[in-house]
Amino acid sequence: IDTAVLQHSLDYEEAAELSYYGARILHPETIPP
């Protein structure tokens, strides 16, 4: 997606959901601890 927007700040829940549902940036268990 050429128009993808870089997000400078996310909360824990947003990052966890994006990781779980396919954004392969973080291991899905990174956020909870």
PDB file of all heavy atoms in Angstrom:
ATOM      1  N   ILE A   1       0.856  -1.193   0.000  1.00  0.00           N
ATOM      2  CA  ILE A   1       0.000   0.000   0.000  1.00  0.00           C
ATOM      3  C   ILE A   1       0.892   1.244   0.000  1.00  0.00           C
ATOM      4  O   ILE A   1       1.540   1.554   1.010  1.00  0.00           O
ATOM      5  CB  ILE A   1      -0.944   0.008   1.216  1.00  0.00           C
ATOM      6  CG1 ILE A   1      -1.832  -1.234   1.191  1.00  0.00           C
ATOM      7  CG2 ILE A   1      -1.805   1.278   1.223  1.00  0.00           C
ATOM      8  CD1 ILE A   1      -2.741  -1.366   2.408  1.00  0.00           C
ATOM      9  N   ASP A   2       0.933   1.934  -1.114  1.00  0.00           N
ATOM     10  CA  ASP A   2       1.811   3.096  -1.246  1.00  0.00           C
ATOM     11  C   ASP A   2       1.448   4.227  -0.289  1.00  0.00           C
ATOM     12  O   ASP A   2       2.314   5.016   0.110  1.00  0.00           O
ATOM     13  CB  ASP A   2       1.761   3.635  -2.683  1.00  0.00           C
ATOM     14  CG  ASP A   2       2.393   2.677  -3.682  1.00  0.00           C
ATOM     15  OD1 ASP A   2       3.200   1.834  -3.249  1.00  0.00           O
ATOM     16  OD2 ASP A   2       2.067   2.767  -4.878  1.00  0.00           O
ATOM     17  N   THR A   3       0.171   4.325   0.066  1.00  0.00           N
ATOM     18  CA  THR A   3      -0.279   5.430   0.914  1.00  0.00           C
ATOM     19  C   THR A   3      -0.313   5.070   2.396  1.00  0.00           C
ATOM     20  O   THR A   3      -0.916   5.792   3.191  1.00  0.00           O
ATOM     21  CB  THR A   3      -1.682   5.884   0.475  1.00  0.00           C
ATOM     22  OG1 THR A   3      -2.567   4.755   0.490  1.00  0.00           O
ATOM     23  CG2 THR A   3      -1.657   6.493  -0.915  1.00  0.00           C
ATOM     24  N   ALA A   4       0.323   3.962   2.765  1.00  0.00           N
ATOM     25  CA  ALA A   4       0.320   3.558   4.175  1.00  0.00           C
ATOM     26  C   ALA A   4       0.942   4.646   5.049  1.00  0.00           C
ATOM     27  O   ALA A   4       1.961   5.241   4.710  1.00  0.00           O
ATOM     28  CB  ALA A   4       1.082   2.245   4.352  1.00  0.00           C
ATOM     29  N   VAL A   5       0.318   4.890   6.202  1.00  0.00           N
ATOM     30  CA  VAL A   5       0.717   5.966   7.101  1.00  0.00           C
ATOM     31  C   VAL A   5       1.505   5.387   8.275  1.00  0.00           C
ATOM     32  O   VAL A   5       1.057   4.453   8.943  1.00  0.00           O
ATOM     33  CB  VAL A   5      -0.527   6.715   7.644  1.00  0.00           C
ATOM     34  CG1 VAL A   5      -0.123   7.821   8.611  1.00  0.00           C
ATOM     35  CG2 VAL A   5      -1.348   7.284   6.487  1.00  0.00           C
ATOM     36  N   LEU A   6       2.692   5.927   8.535  1.00  0.00           N
ATOM     37  CA  LEU A   6       3.489   5.493   9.681  1.00  0.00           C
ATOM     38  C   LEU A   6       2.892   6.047  10.969  1.00  0.00           C
ATOM     39  O   LEU A   6       2.660   7.253  11.091  1.00  0.00           O
ATOM     40  CB  LEU A   6       4.928   5.975   9.528  1.00  0.00           C
ATOM     41  CG  LEU A   6       5.899   5.623  10.657  1.00  0.00           C
ATOM     42  CD1 LEU A   6       6.012   4.113  10.840  1.00  0.00           C
ATOM     43  CD2 LEU A   6       7.270   6.212  10.377  1.00  0.00           C
ATOM     44  N   GLN A   7       2.640   5.169  11.929  1.00  0.00           N
ATOM     45  CA  GLN A   7       2.038   5.578  13.197  1.00  0.00           C
ATOM     46  C   GLN A   7       3.148   5.784  14.222  1.00  0.00           C
ATOM     47  O   GLN A   7       3.902   4.866  14.524  1.00  0.00           O
ATOM     48  CB  GLN A   7       1.047   4.511  13.691  1.00  0.00           C
ATOM     49  CG  GLN A   7      -0.074   4.196  12.720  1.00  0.00           C
ATOM     50  CD  GLN A   7      -1.041   5.351  12.536  1.00  0.00           C
ATOM     51  OE1 GLN A   7      -0.908   6.404  13.150  1.00  0.00           O
ATOM     52  NE2 GLN A   7      -2.035   5.168  11.685  1.00  0.00           N
ATOM     53  N   HIS A   8       3.232   6.981  14.783  1.00  0.00           N
ATOM     54  CA  HIS A   8       4.313   7.302  15.706  1.00  0.00           C
ATOM     55  C   HIS A   8       4.035   6.814  17.126  1.00  0.00           C
ATOM     56  O   HIS A   8       4.965   6.649  17.909  1.00  0.00           O
ATOM     57  CB  HIS A   8       4.532   8.816  15.748  1.00  0.00           C
ATOM     58  CG  HIS A   8       4.698   9.425  14.407  1.00  0.00           C
ATOM     59  ND1 HIS A   8       5.717   9.072  13.556  1.00  0.00           N
ATOM     60  CD2 HIS A   8       3.965  10.365  13.740  1.00  0.00           C
ATOM     61  CE1 HIS A   8       5.617   9.770  12.438  1.00  0.00           C
ATOM     62  NE2 HIS A   8       4.568  10.554  12.523  1.00  0.00           N
ATOM     63  N   SER A   9       2.770   6.610  17.453  1.00  0.00           N
ATOM     64  CA  SER A   9       2.405   6.239  18.820  1.00  0.00           C
ATOM     65  C   SER A   9       1.187   5.319  18.795  1.00  0.00           C
ATOM     66  O   SER A   9       0.201   5.620  18.129  1.00  0.00           O
ATOM     67  CB  SER A   9       2.102   7.501  19.638  1.00  0.00           C
ATOM     68  OG  SER A   9       1.697   7.174  20.945  1.00  0.00           O
ATOM     69  N   LEU A  10       1.278   4.204  19.489  1.00  0.00           N
ATOM     70  CA  LEU A  10       0.164   3.272  19.635  1.00  0.00           C
ATOM     71  C   LEU A  10       0.026   2.919  21.101  1.00  0.00           C
ATOM     72  O   LEU A  10       1.002   2.998  21.868  1.00  0.00           O
ATOM     73  CB  LEU A  10       0.404   1.974  18.853  1.00  0.00           C
ATOM     74  CG  LEU A  10       0.473   2.002  17.329  1.00  0.00           C
ATOM     75  CD1 LEU A  10       1.871   2.367  16.865  1.00  0.00           C
ATOM     76  CD2 LEU A  10       0.094   0.631  16.757  1.00  0.00           C
ATOM     77  N   ASP A  11      -1.177   2.498  21.502  1.00  0.00           N
ATOM     78  CA  ASP A  11      -1.286   1.969  22.849  1.00  0.00           C
ATOM     79  C   ASP A  11      -1.078   0.455  22.800  1.00  0.00           C
ATOM     80  O   ASP A  11      -1.005  -0.149  21.728  1.00  0.00           O
ATOM     81  CB  ASP A  11      -2.594   2.386  23.529  1.00  0.00           C
ATOM     82  CG  ASP A  11      -3.849   1.801  22.901  1.00  0.00           C
ATOM     83  OD1 ASP A  11      -3.799   0.643  22.441  1.00  0.00           O
ATOM     84  OD2 ASP A  11      -4.888   2.491  22.877  1.00  0.00           O
ATOM     85  N   TYR A  12      -0.942  -0.141  23.981  1.00  0.00           N
ATOM     86  CA  TYR A  12      -0.621  -1.569  24.046  1.00  0.00           C
ATOM     87  C   TYR A  12      -1.634  -2.423  23.293  1.00  0.00           C
ATOM     88  O   TYR A  12      -1.269  -3.367  22.584  1.00  0.00           O
ATOM     89  CB  TYR A  12      -0.572  -2.023  25.507  1.00  0.00           C
ATOM     90  CG  TYR A  12       0.554  -1.440  26.325  1.00  0.00           C
ATOM     91  CD1 TYR A  12       0.289  -0.699  27.470  1.00  0.00           C
ATOM     92  CD2 TYR A  12       1.885  -1.632  25.969  1.00  0.00           C
ATOM     93  CE1 TYR A  12       1.306  -0.167  28.250  1.00  0.00           C
ATOM     94  CE2 TYR A  12       2.917  -1.105  26.728  1.00  0.00           C
ATOM     95  CZ  TYR A  12       2.627  -0.371  27.872  1.00  0.00           C
ATOM     96  OH  TYR A  12       3.640   0.151  28.632  1.00  0.00           O
ATOM     97  N   GLU A  13      -2.944  -2.114  23.475  1.00  0.00           N
ATOM     98  CA  GLU A  13      -3.978  -2.936  22.869  1.00  0.00           C
ATOM     99  C   GLU A  13      -3.918  -2.879  21.348  1.00  0.00           C
ATOM    100  O   GLU A  13      -4.079  -3.897  20.666  1.00  0.00           O
ATOM    101  CB  GLU A  13      -5.374  -2.499  23.366  1.00  0.00           C
ATOM    102  CG  GLU A  13      -5.731  -2.975  24.757  1.00  0.00           C
ATOM    103  CD  GLU A  13      -4.926  -2.280  25.848  1.00  0.00           C
ATOM    104  OE1 GLU A  13      -4.393  -1.181  25.587  1.00  0.00           O
ATOM    105  OE2 GLU A  13      -4.819  -2.838  26.954  1.00  0.00           O
ATOM    106  N   GLU A  14      -3.687  -1.689  20.811  1.00  0.00           N
ATOM    107  CA  GLU A  14      -3.600  -1.559  19.356  1.00  0.00           C
ATOM    108  C   GLU A  14      -2.447  -2.387  18.806  1.00  0.00           C
ATOM    109  O   GLU A  14      -2.595  -3.116  17.818  1.00  0.00           O
ATOM    110  CB  GLU A  14      -3.419  -0.086  18.986  1.00  0.00           C
ATOM    111  CG  GLU A  14      -4.650   0.772  19.225  1.00  0.00           C
ATOM    112  CD  GLU A  14      -4.373   2.246  19.004  1.00  0.00           C
ATOM    113  OE1 GLU A  14      -3.262   2.705  19.356  1.00  0.00           O
ATOM    114  OE2 GLU A  14      -5.261   2.930  18.474  1.00  0.00           O
ATOM    115  N   ALA A  15      -1.286  -2.283  19.431  1.00  0.00           N
ATOM    116  CA  ALA A  15      -0.117  -3.031  18.958  1.00  0.00           C
ATOM    117  C   ALA A  15      -0.340  -4.532  19.066  1.00  0.00           C
ATOM    118  O   ALA A  15       0.041  -5.303  18.171  1.00  0.00           O
ATOM    119  CB  ALA A  15       1.121  -2.625  19.756  1.00  0.00           C
ATOM    120  N   ALA A  16      -0.972  -4.968  20.160  1.00  0.00           N
ATOM    121  CA  ALA A  16      -1.223  -6.393  20.350  1.00  0.00           C
ATOM    122  C   ALA A  16      -2.182  -6.933  19.292  1.00  0.00           C
ATOM    123  O   ALA A  16      -1.961  -8.012  18.721  1.00  0.00           O
ATOM    124  CB  ALA A  16      -1.794  -6.641  21.749  1.00  0.00           C
ATOM    125  N   GLU A  17      -3.250  -6.193  19.009  1.00  0.00           N
ATOM    126  CA  GLU A  17      -4.224  -6.644  18.021  1.00  0.00           C
ATOM    127  C   GLU A  17      -3.624  -6.665  16.619  1.00  0.00           C
ATOM    128  O   GLU A  17      -3.822  -7.611  15.857  1.00  0.00           O
ATOM    129  CB  GLU A  17      -5.459  -5.736  18.047  1.00  0.00           C
ATOM    130  CG  GLU A  17      -6.298  -5.844  19.321  1.00  0.00           C
ATOM    131  CD  GLU A  17      -7.094  -7.134  19.416  1.00  0.00           C
ATOM    132  OE1 GLU A  17      -7.163  -7.884  18.425  1.00  0.00           O
ATOM    133  OE2 GLU A  17      -7.640  -7.410  20.500  1.00  0.00           O
ATOM    134  N   LEU A  18      -2.872  -5.640  16.254  1.00  0.00           N
ATOM    135  CA  LEU A  18      -2.247  -5.617  14.934  1.00  0.00           C
ATOM    136  C   LEU A  18      -1.253  -6.766  14.779  1.00  0.00           C
ATOM    137  O   LEU A  18      -1.168  -7.387  13.716  1.00  0.00           O
ATOM    138  CB  LEU A  18      -1.544  -4.277  14.707  1.00  0.00           C
ATOM    139  CG  LEU A  18      -2.459  -3.087  14.396  1.00  0.00           C
ATOM    140  CD1 LEU A  18      -1.671  -1.783  14.467  1.00  0.00           C
ATOM    141  CD2 LEU A  18      -3.108  -3.235  13.027  1.00  0.00           C
ATOM    142  N   SER A  19      -0.514  -7.078  15.838  1.00  0.00           N
ATOM    143  CA  SER A  19       0.453  -8.178  15.788  1.00  0.00           C
ATOM    144  C   SER A  19      -0.261  -9.519  15.642  1.00  0.00           C
ATOM    145  O   SER A  19       0.162 -10.385  14.868  1.00  0.00           O
ATOM    146  CB  SER A  19       1.313  -8.183  17.056  1.00  0.00           C
ATOM    147  OG  SER A  19       2.051  -6.989  17.161  1.00  0.00           O
ATOM    148  N   TYR A  20      -1.351  -9.684  16.382  1.00  0.00           N
ATOM    149  CA  TYR A  20      -2.077 -10.954  16.348  1.00  0.00           C
ATOM    150  C   TYR A  20      -2.717 -11.177  14.983  1.00  0.00           C
ATOM    151  O   TYR A  20      -2.754 -12.298  14.474  1.00  0.00           O
ATOM    152  CB  TYR A  20      -3.147 -10.967  17.438  1.00  0.00           C
ATOM    153  CG  TYR A  20      -3.919 -12.270  17.508  1.00  0.00           C
ATOM    154  CD1 TYR A  20      -3.341 -13.407  18.075  1.00  0.00           C
ATOM    155  CD2 TYR A  20      -5.208 -12.375  17.006  1.00  0.00           C
ATOM    156  CE1 TYR A  20      -4.027 -14.603  18.142  1.00  0.00           C
ATOM    157  CE2 TYR A  20      -5.909 -13.564  17.065  1.00  0.00           C
ATOM    158  CZ  TYR A  20      -5.322 -14.676  17.634  1.00  0.00           C
ATOM    159  OH  TYR A  20      -6.007 -15.868  17.688  1.00  0.00           O
ATOM    160  N   TYR A  21      -3.209 -10.094  14.387  1.00  0.00           N
ATOM    161  CA  TYR A  21      -3.955 -10.221  13.147  1.00  0.00           C
ATOM    162  C   TYR A  21      -3.139  -9.921  11.896  1.00  0.00           C
ATOM    163  O   TYR A  21      -3.675  -9.477  10.896  1.00  0.00           O
ATOM    164  CB  TYR A  21      -5.199  -9.338  13.183  1.00  0.00           C
ATOM    165  CG  TYR A  21      -6.288  -9.892  14.072  1.00  0.00           C
ATOM    166  CD1 TYR A  21      -6.731  -9.190  15.181  1.00  0.00           C
ATOM    167  CD2 TYR A  21      -6.861 -11.129  13.807  1.00  0.00           C
ATOM    168  CE1 TYR A  21      -7.726  -9.703  16.007  1.00  0.00           C
ATOM    169  CE2 TYR A  21      -7.850 -11.652  14.627  1.00  0.00           C
ATOM    170  CZ  TYR A  21      -8.282 -10.929  15.715  1.00  0.00           C
ATOM    171  OH  TYR A  21      -9.267 -11.448  16.529  1.00  0.00           O
ATOM    172  N   GLY A  22      -1.846 -10.151  11.944  1.00  0.00           N
ATOM    173  CA  GLY A  22      -1.104 -10.190  10.699  1.00  0.00           C
ATOM    174  C   GLY A  22      -0.007  -9.178  10.487  1.00  0.00           C
ATOM    175  O   GLY A  22       0.760  -9.302   9.535  1.00  0.00           O
ATOM    176  N   ALA A  23       0.100  -8.128  11.307  1.00  0.00           N
ATOM    177  CA  ALA A  23       1.220  -7.189  11.153  1.00  0.00           C
ATOM    178  C   ALA A  23       2.451  -7.841  11.775  1.00  0.00           C
ATOM    179  O   ALA A  23       2.662  -7.780  12.976  1.00  0.00           O
ATOM    180  CB  ALA A  23       0.897  -5.865  11.843  1.00  0.00           C
ATOM    181  N   ARG A  24       3.287  -8.433  10.966  1.00  0.00           N
ATOM    182  CA  ARG A  24       4.383  -9.278  11.468  1.00  0.00           C
ATOM    183  C   ARG A  24       5.564  -8.434  11.937  1.00  0.00           C
ATOM    184  O   ARG A  24       6.684  -8.563  11.449  1.00  0.00           O
ATOM    185  CB  ARG A  24       4.813 -10.278  10.393  1.00  0.00           C
ATOM    186  CG  ARG A  24       3.720 -11.273  10.029  1.00  0.00           C
ATOM    187  CD  ARG A  24       4.215 -12.267   8.992  1.00  0.00           C
ATOM    188  NE  ARG A  24       3.191 -13.216   8.641  1.00  0.00           N
ATOM    189  CZ  ARG A  24       2.948 -14.358   9.295  1.00  0.00           C
ATOM    190  NH1 ARG A  24       3.675 -14.653  10.353  1.00  0.00           N
ATOM    191  NH2 ARG A  24       2.010 -15.169   8.908  1.00  0.00           N
ATOM    192  N   ILE A  25       5.289  -7.579  12.897  1.00  0.00           N
ATOM    193  CA  ILE A  25       6.333  -6.712  13.432  1.00  0.00           C
ATOM    194  C   ILE A  25       6.775  -7.194  14.803  1.00  0.00           C
ATOM    195  O   ILE A  25       7.942  -7.128  15.154  1.00  0.00           O
ATOM    196  CB  ILE A  25       5.826  -5.258  13.496  1.00  0.00           C
ATOM    197  CG1 ILE A  25       5.578  -4.756  12.073  1.00  0.00           C
ATOM    198  CG2 ILE A  25       6.832  -4.359  14.211  1.00  0.00           C
ATOM    199  CD1 ILE A  25       4.992  -3.374  12.009  1.00  0.00           C
ATOM    200  N   LEU A  26       5.830  -7.705  15.592  1.00  0.00           N
ATOM    201  CA  LEU A  26       6.122  -8.177  16.945  1.00  0.00           C
ATOM    202  C   LEU A  26       5.658  -9.611  17.123  1.00  0.00           C
ATOM    203  O   LEU A  26       4.655 -10.029  16.529  1.00  0.00           O
ATOM    204  CB  LEU A  26       5.394  -7.314  17.987  1.00  0.00           C
ATOM    205  CG  LEU A  26       5.726  -5.833  18.077  1.00  0.00           C
ATOM    206  CD1 LEU A  26       4.811  -5.189  19.119  1.00  0.00           C
ATOM    207  CD2 LEU A  26       7.173  -5.622  18.451  1.00  0.00           C
ATOM    208  N   HIS A  27       6.366 -10.352  17.950  1.00  0.00           N
ATOM    209  CA  HIS A  27       5.838 -11.631  18.430  1.00  0.00           C
ATOM    210  C   HIS A  27       4.546 -11.329  19.193  1.00  0.00           C
ATOM    211  O   HIS A  27       4.486 -10.367  19.972  1.00  0.00           O
ATOM    212  CB  HIS A  27       6.867 -12.274  19.363  1.00  0.00           C
ATOM    213  CG  HIS A  27       6.494 -13.650  19.832  1.00  0.00           C
ATOM    214  ND1 HIS A  27       5.517 -13.877  20.770  1.00  0.00           N
ATOM    215  CD2 HIS A  27       6.986 -14.886  19.498  1.00  0.00           C
ATOM    216  CE1 HIS A  27       5.418 -15.178  21.000  1.00  0.00           C
ATOM    217  NE2 HIS A  27       6.294 -15.805  20.237  1.00  0.00           N
ATOM    218  N   PRO A  28       3.471 -12.094  18.969  1.00  0.00           N
ATOM    219  CA  PRO A  28       2.176 -11.748  19.574  1.00  0.00           C
ATOM    220  C   PRO A  28       2.155 -11.714  21.089  1.00  0.00           C
ATOM    221  O   PRO A  28       1.263 -11.098  21.683  1.00  0.00           O
ATOM    222  CB  PRO A  28       1.226 -12.834  19.035  1.00  0.00           C
ATOM    223  CG  PRO A  28       2.120 -13.920  18.525  1.00  0.00           C
ATOM    224  CD  PRO A  28       3.373 -13.266  18.085  1.00  0.00           C
ATOM    225  N   GLU A  29       3.136 -12.346  21.758  1.00  0.00           N
ATOM    226  CA  GLU A  29       3.160 -12.334  23.224  1.00  0.00           C
ATOM    227  C   GLU A  29       4.064 -11.234  23.787  1.00  0.00           C
ATOM    228  O   GLU A  29       4.296 -11.185  24.993  1.00  0.00           O
ATOM    229  CB  GLU A  29       3.642 -13.697  23.748  1.00  0.00           C
ATOM    230  CG  GLU A  29       2.653 -14.832  23.534  1.00  0.00           C
ATOM    231  CD  GLU A  29       1.346 -14.601  24.274  1.00  0.00           C
ATOM    232  OE1 GLU A  29       1.382 -14.180  25.441  1.00  0.00           O
ATOM    233  OE2 GLU A  29       0.286 -14.852  23.667  1.00  0.00           O
ATOM    234  N   THR A  30       4.555 -10.357  22.935  1.00  0.00           N
ATOM    235  CA  THR A  30       5.461  -9.302  23.387  1.00  0.00           C
ATOM    236  C   THR A  30       4.765  -8.297  24.302  1.00  0.00           C
ATOM    237  O   THR A  30       5.329  -7.841  25.306  1.00  0.00           O
ATOM    238  CB  THR A  30       6.065  -8.555  22.177  1.00  0.00           C
ATOM    239  OG1 THR A  30       6.743  -9.498  21.350  1.00  0.00           O
ATOM    240  CG2 THR A  30       7.039  -7.484  22.631  1.00  0.00           C
ATOM    241  N   ILE A  31       3.545  -7.932  23.977  1.00  0.00           N
ATOM    242  CA  ILE A  31       2.864  -6.839  24.671  1.00  0.00           C
ATOM    243  C   ILE A  31       2.397  -7.167  26.095  1.00  0.00           C
ATOM    244  O   ILE A  31       2.601  -6.342  27.014  1.00  0.00           O
ATOM    245  CB  ILE A  31       1.680  -6.334  23.827  1.00  0.00           C
ATOM    246  CG1 ILE A  31       2.183  -5.736  22.503  1.00  0.00           C
ATOM    247  CG2 ILE A  31       0.853  -5.303  24.588  1.00  0.00           C
ATOM    248  CD1 ILE A  31       3.074  -4.531  22.661  1.00  0.00           C
ATOM    249  N   PRO A  32       1.773  -8.328  26.369  1.00  0.00           N
ATOM    250  CA  PRO A  32       1.184  -8.549  27.704  1.00  0.00           C
ATOM    251  C   PRO A  32       2.104  -8.309  28.888  1.00  0.00           C
ATOM    252  O   PRO A  32       1.703  -7.609  29.833  1.00  0.00           O
ATOM    253  CB  PRO A  32       0.685 -10.004  27.630  1.00  0.00           C
ATOM    254  CG  PRO A  32       0.366 -10.192  26.184  1.00  0.00           C
ATOM    255  CD  PRO A  32       1.418  -9.428  25.437  1.00  0.00           C
ATOM    256  N   PRO A  33       3.346  -8.830  28.916  1.00  0.00           N
ATOM    257  CA  PRO A  33       4.194  -8.564  30.093  1.00  0.00           C
ATOM    258  C   PRO A  33       4.547  -7.094  30.255  1.00  0.00           C
ATOM    259  O   PRO A  33       4.672  -6.598  31.384  1.00  0.00           O
ATOM    260  CB  PRO A  33       5.435  -9.422  29.863  1.00  0.00           C
ATOM    261  CG  PRO A  33       5.444  -9.744  28.412  1.00  0.00           C
ATOM    262  CD  PRO A  33       4.016  -9.757  27.979  1.00  0.00           C
TER     263      PRO A  33
END
